[in-house]
Amino acid sequence: TLESVLKEAHGDNVVNITKLTLTGNYNAVDHRFLRDSLAALTDLDMEGVTIVGGDSTYRAPNSHDWNNLKNFKLTDNTIGQNMFSHLELTKLVIPNNVVKIEDYGFASTKLKTFEIPASVISMGQTVCENVETLEEVKVLANINELPNSSFANCKNLRKVELSSTITSLGKRAFDNCESLTDFSYFKNVTTLG
């Protein structure tokens, strides 16, 4: 498990880890340890990770009541609901084999730049809502619609690059993104929510 590997290498100093690169299989037990024990973590590279589902759960804030924790299960190659929400991450590279990102996957983090890879074929709503530190985002996902409130309240978001497959922007996709000045989208965007 992630816990046993990190504790063997760092002992009680795991609480001070700020940067981490992971490879191999990653499950809900690993994620529970990351959320519960790595509070100082700000830089996480998961590019070489395969997310695997199972019966275990991770705890994360409930979507509508951030003070209460709820248990969530992971499914294969999926960023689960609220998976990274409210973590202090300023940099995150998600696995290059992720095919789905569920609601609130990265909401209320501290990310500054972010890229959603082309492997993603399904995205939930409010994926990066309330990430007030977010300045640049690339949505390379192979989706037709950018869901509702995807980047709502990202007050410092300046630059957005969208995949050529996106033809529709959901309601409030960029609501309250008052710093947005560089918006690169393709001619195929025909519907604004």
Protein backbone atom coordinates (compact mmCIF):
# COMPACT_ATOMS: atom_id res chain seq x y z
CA THR A 1 0.00 0.00 0.00
CA LEU A 2 0.97 3.64 -0.35
CA GLU A 3 1.03 3.92 3.43
CA SER A 4 3.50 1.06 3.94
CA VAL A 5 5.84 2.29 1.17
CA LEU A 6 5.92 5.87 2.45
CA LYS A 7 6.20 4.93 6.12
CA GLU A 8 9.08 2.57 5.35
CA ALA A 9 10.89 5.32 3.45
CA HIS A 10 10.00 8.32 5.65
CA GLY A 11 8.82 6.98 9.00
CA ASP A 12 6.86 9.55 10.98
CA ASN A 13 8.00 12.26 8.56
CA VAL A 14 5.29 11.28 6.05
CA VAL A 15 3.25 14.18 7.44
CA ASN A 16 5.89 16.57 6.05
CA ILE A 17 5.88 15.29 2.45
CA THR A 18 5.10 18.17 0.08
CA LYS A 19 5.94 16.59 -3.29
CA LEU A 20 5.11 13.06 -4.43
CA THR A 21 5.33 11.10 -7.69
CA LEU A 22 3.32 7.87 -7.82
CA THR A 23 3.32 4.94 -10.25
CA GLY A 24 1.50 1.61 -10.39
CA ASN A 25 -1.93 0.71 -9.06
CA TYR A 26 -3.74 3.17 -6.79
CA ASN A 27 -6.91 2.27 -4.90
CA ALA A 28 -9.30 3.75 -2.34
CA VAL A 29 -7.13 2.55 0.58
CA ASP A 30 -4.18 4.48 -0.88
CA HIS A 31 -6.35 7.53 -1.43
CA ARG A 32 -7.74 7.43 2.09
CA PHE A 33 -4.16 7.47 3.40
CA LEU A 34 -3.25 10.35 1.10
CA ARG A 35 -6.26 12.42 2.21
CA ASP A 36 -5.96 11.57 5.91
CA SER A 37 -2.17 11.60 6.42
CA LEU A 38 -0.46 13.80 3.83
CA ALA A 39 -1.81 17.23 4.81
CA ALA A 40 1.40 19.04 3.71
CA LEU A 41 1.20 17.60 0.16
CA THR A 42 1.05 20.35 -2.49
CA ASP A 43 2.59 18.72 -5.59
CA LEU A 44 1.27 15.35 -6.77
CA ASP A 45 2.24 13.61 -10.03
CA MET A 46 0.05 10.58 -10.80
CA GLU A 47 0.78 10.35 -14.53
CA GLY A 48 2.02 6.75 -14.22
CA VAL A 49 -0.81 5.59 -11.95
CA THR A 50 -3.66 3.21 -12.76
CA ILE A 51 -6.70 3.86 -10.56
CA VAL A 52 -8.34 0.59 -9.59
CA GLY A 53 -11.79 0.17 -8.11
CA GLY A 54 -12.95 -2.18 -5.40
CA ASP A 55 -15.02 -2.38 -2.25
CA SER A 56 -12.83 -0.09 -0.13
CA THR A 57 -13.77 3.56 0.31
CA TYR A 58 -12.08 6.92 0.79
CA ARG A 59 -13.46 9.78 2.84
CA ALA A 60 -13.98 13.23 1.37
CA PRO A 61 -16.18 16.23 2.07
CA ASN A 62 -19.79 15.83 0.98
CA SER A 63 -20.58 17.94 -2.09
CA HIS A 64 -23.14 20.14 -0.37
CA ASP A 65 -21.91 20.08 3.22
CA TRP A 66 -18.14 20.50 3.24
CA ASN A 67 -17.89 20.00 7.00
CA ASN A 68 -19.21 16.44 6.87
CA LEU A 69 -17.16 13.60 5.44
CA LYS A 70 -18.73 10.94 3.27
CA ASN A 71 -17.39 7.59 2.02
CA PHE A 72 -16.87 7.16 -1.72
CA LYS A 73 -15.82 4.14 -3.79
CA LEU A 74 -13.41 4.27 -6.70
CA THR A 75 -14.03 2.68 -10.05
CA ASP A 76 -11.35 1.75 -12.58
CA ASN A 77 -9.63 4.66 -14.36
CA THR A 78 -11.91 7.22 -12.72
CA ILE A 79 -11.28 10.34 -10.67
CA GLY A 80 -14.00 9.75 -8.09
CA GLN A 81 -16.53 12.19 -6.72
CA ASN A 82 -14.85 14.77 -4.47
CA MET A 83 -11.63 12.76 -4.79
CA PHE A 84 -9.26 15.73 -4.48
CA SER A 85 -11.71 18.38 -3.25
CA HIS A 86 -10.46 20.64 -0.48
CA LEU A 87 -6.90 19.32 -0.59
CA GLU A 88 -4.07 21.87 -0.52
CA LEU A 89 -2.71 20.73 -3.89
CA THR A 90 -1.18 23.51 -6.01
CA LYS A 91 0.04 21.11 -8.71
CA LEU A 92 -1.56 17.85 -9.84
CA VAL A 93 -0.87 15.65 -12.85
CA ILE A 94 -3.67 13.13 -13.19
CA PRO A 95 -3.15 9.66 -14.69
CA ASN A 96 -2.92 9.67 -18.47
CA ASN A 97 -5.32 6.70 -18.62
CA VAL A 98 -8.24 8.29 -16.73
CA VAL A 99 -11.46 8.05 -18.75
CA LYS A 100 -13.93 9.63 -16.33
CA ILE A 101 -13.92 12.51 -13.86
CA GLU A 102 -16.87 12.61 -11.47
CA ASP A 103 -18.59 15.64 -9.85
CA TYR A 104 -16.44 17.90 -7.68
CA GLY A 105 -13.30 15.88 -8.50
CA PHE A 106 -10.96 18.85 -7.91
CA ALA A 107 -13.31 21.43 -6.36
CA SER A 108 -11.89 23.91 -3.86
CA THR A 109 -8.27 22.85 -4.29
CA LYS A 110 -5.37 25.32 -4.64
CA LEU A 111 -4.37 24.34 -8.20
CA LYS A 112 -2.69 27.04 -10.30
CA THR A 113 -2.57 25.30 -13.68
CA PHE A 114 -4.37 22.15 -14.68
CA GLU A 115 -4.69 19.80 -17.65
CA ILE A 116 -7.47 17.31 -18.29
CA PRO A 117 -6.00 14.66 -20.64
CA ALA A 118 -7.42 13.51 -23.96
CA SER A 119 -8.11 10.07 -22.46
CA VAL A 120 -11.11 11.54 -20.56
CA ILE A 121 -14.41 10.75 -22.31
CA SER A 122 -16.80 11.65 -19.47
CA MET A 123 -16.85 14.57 -17.05
CA GLY A 124 -19.22 15.38 -14.21
CA GLN A 125 -20.38 18.82 -13.17
CA THR A 126 -18.46 21.29 -11.01
CA VAL A 127 -15.18 19.46 -11.59
CA CYS A 128 -13.01 22.48 -10.73
CA GLU A 129 -15.56 24.74 -9.08
CA ASN A 130 -14.25 27.24 -6.50
CA VAL A 131 -10.58 26.79 -7.37
CA GLU A 132 -9.84 30.46 -6.82
CA THR A 133 -6.09 30.02 -7.41
CA LEU A 134 -6.53 28.46 -10.88
CA GLU A 135 -4.93 30.61 -13.59
CA GLU A 136 -4.69 28.34 -16.64
CA VAL A 137 -6.52 25.22 -17.76
CA LYS A 138 -6.30 22.91 -20.77
CA VAL A 139 -9.30 20.69 -21.37
CA LEU A 140 -8.01 18.14 -23.89
CA ALA A 141 -10.79 15.69 -22.97
CA ASN A 142 -12.60 13.88 -25.76
CA ILE A 143 -16.04 15.18 -24.74
CA ASN A 144 -18.79 17.06 -26.59
CA GLU A 145 -19.98 19.26 -23.73
CA LEU A 146 -18.12 21.03 -20.98
CA PRO A 147 -20.52 20.32 -18.08
CA ASN A 148 -22.37 22.83 -15.92
CA SER A 149 -20.30 24.89 -13.48
CA SER A 150 -17.08 23.13 -14.53
CA PHE A 151 -14.93 26.14 -13.63
CA ALA A 152 -17.44 28.37 -11.84
CA ASN A 153 -15.97 30.77 -9.28
CA CYS A 154 -12.40 30.33 -10.49
CA LYS A 155 -11.83 34.04 -9.97
CA ASN A 156 -8.18 34.09 -11.14
CA LEU A 157 -8.68 31.94 -14.24
CA ARG A 158 -7.03 33.87 -17.09
CA LYS A 159 -6.46 31.33 -19.85
CA VAL A 160 -8.58 28.42 -21.11
CA GLU A 161 -7.82 26.04 -23.97
CA LEU A 162 -10.61 23.67 -25.01
CA SER A 163 -10.51 20.44 -27.00
CA SER A 164 -11.72 20.61 -30.59
CA THR A 165 -14.38 18.00 -29.72
CA ILE A 166 -16.27 20.37 -27.41
CA THR A 167 -19.34 21.80 -29.17
CA SER A 168 -21.30 22.95 -26.13
CA LEU A 169 -20.59 24.80 -22.89
CA GLY A 170 -22.86 23.88 -19.98
CA LYS A 171 -24.67 26.42 -17.80
CA ARG A 172 -22.38 28.53 -15.65
CA ALA A 173 -19.31 26.66 -17.01
CA PHE A 174 -17.20 29.79 -16.44
CA ASP A 175 -19.49 31.75 -14.11
CA ASN A 176 -17.66 34.36 -12.01
CA CYS A 177 -14.38 33.83 -13.87
CA GLU A 178 -13.79 37.56 -13.82
CA SER A 179 -10.10 37.39 -14.86
CA LEU A 180 -10.68 35.33 -18.03
CA THR A 181 -8.98 37.14 -20.92
CA ASP A 182 -7.55 34.35 -23.09
CA PHE A 183 -10.20 31.90 -24.19
CA SER A 184 -9.14 29.53 -26.99
CA TYR A 185 -12.02 27.46 -28.23
CA PHE A 186 -12.70 26.00 -31.59
CA LYS A 187 -15.25 27.06 -34.16
CA ASN A 188 -17.34 24.00 -33.34
CA VAL A 189 -18.65 25.49 -30.05
CA THR A 190 -22.23 26.21 -31.10
CA THR A 191 -24.14 26.04 -27.81
CA LEU A 192 -23.60 28.17 -24.73
CA GLY A 193 -25.47 27.08 -21.57
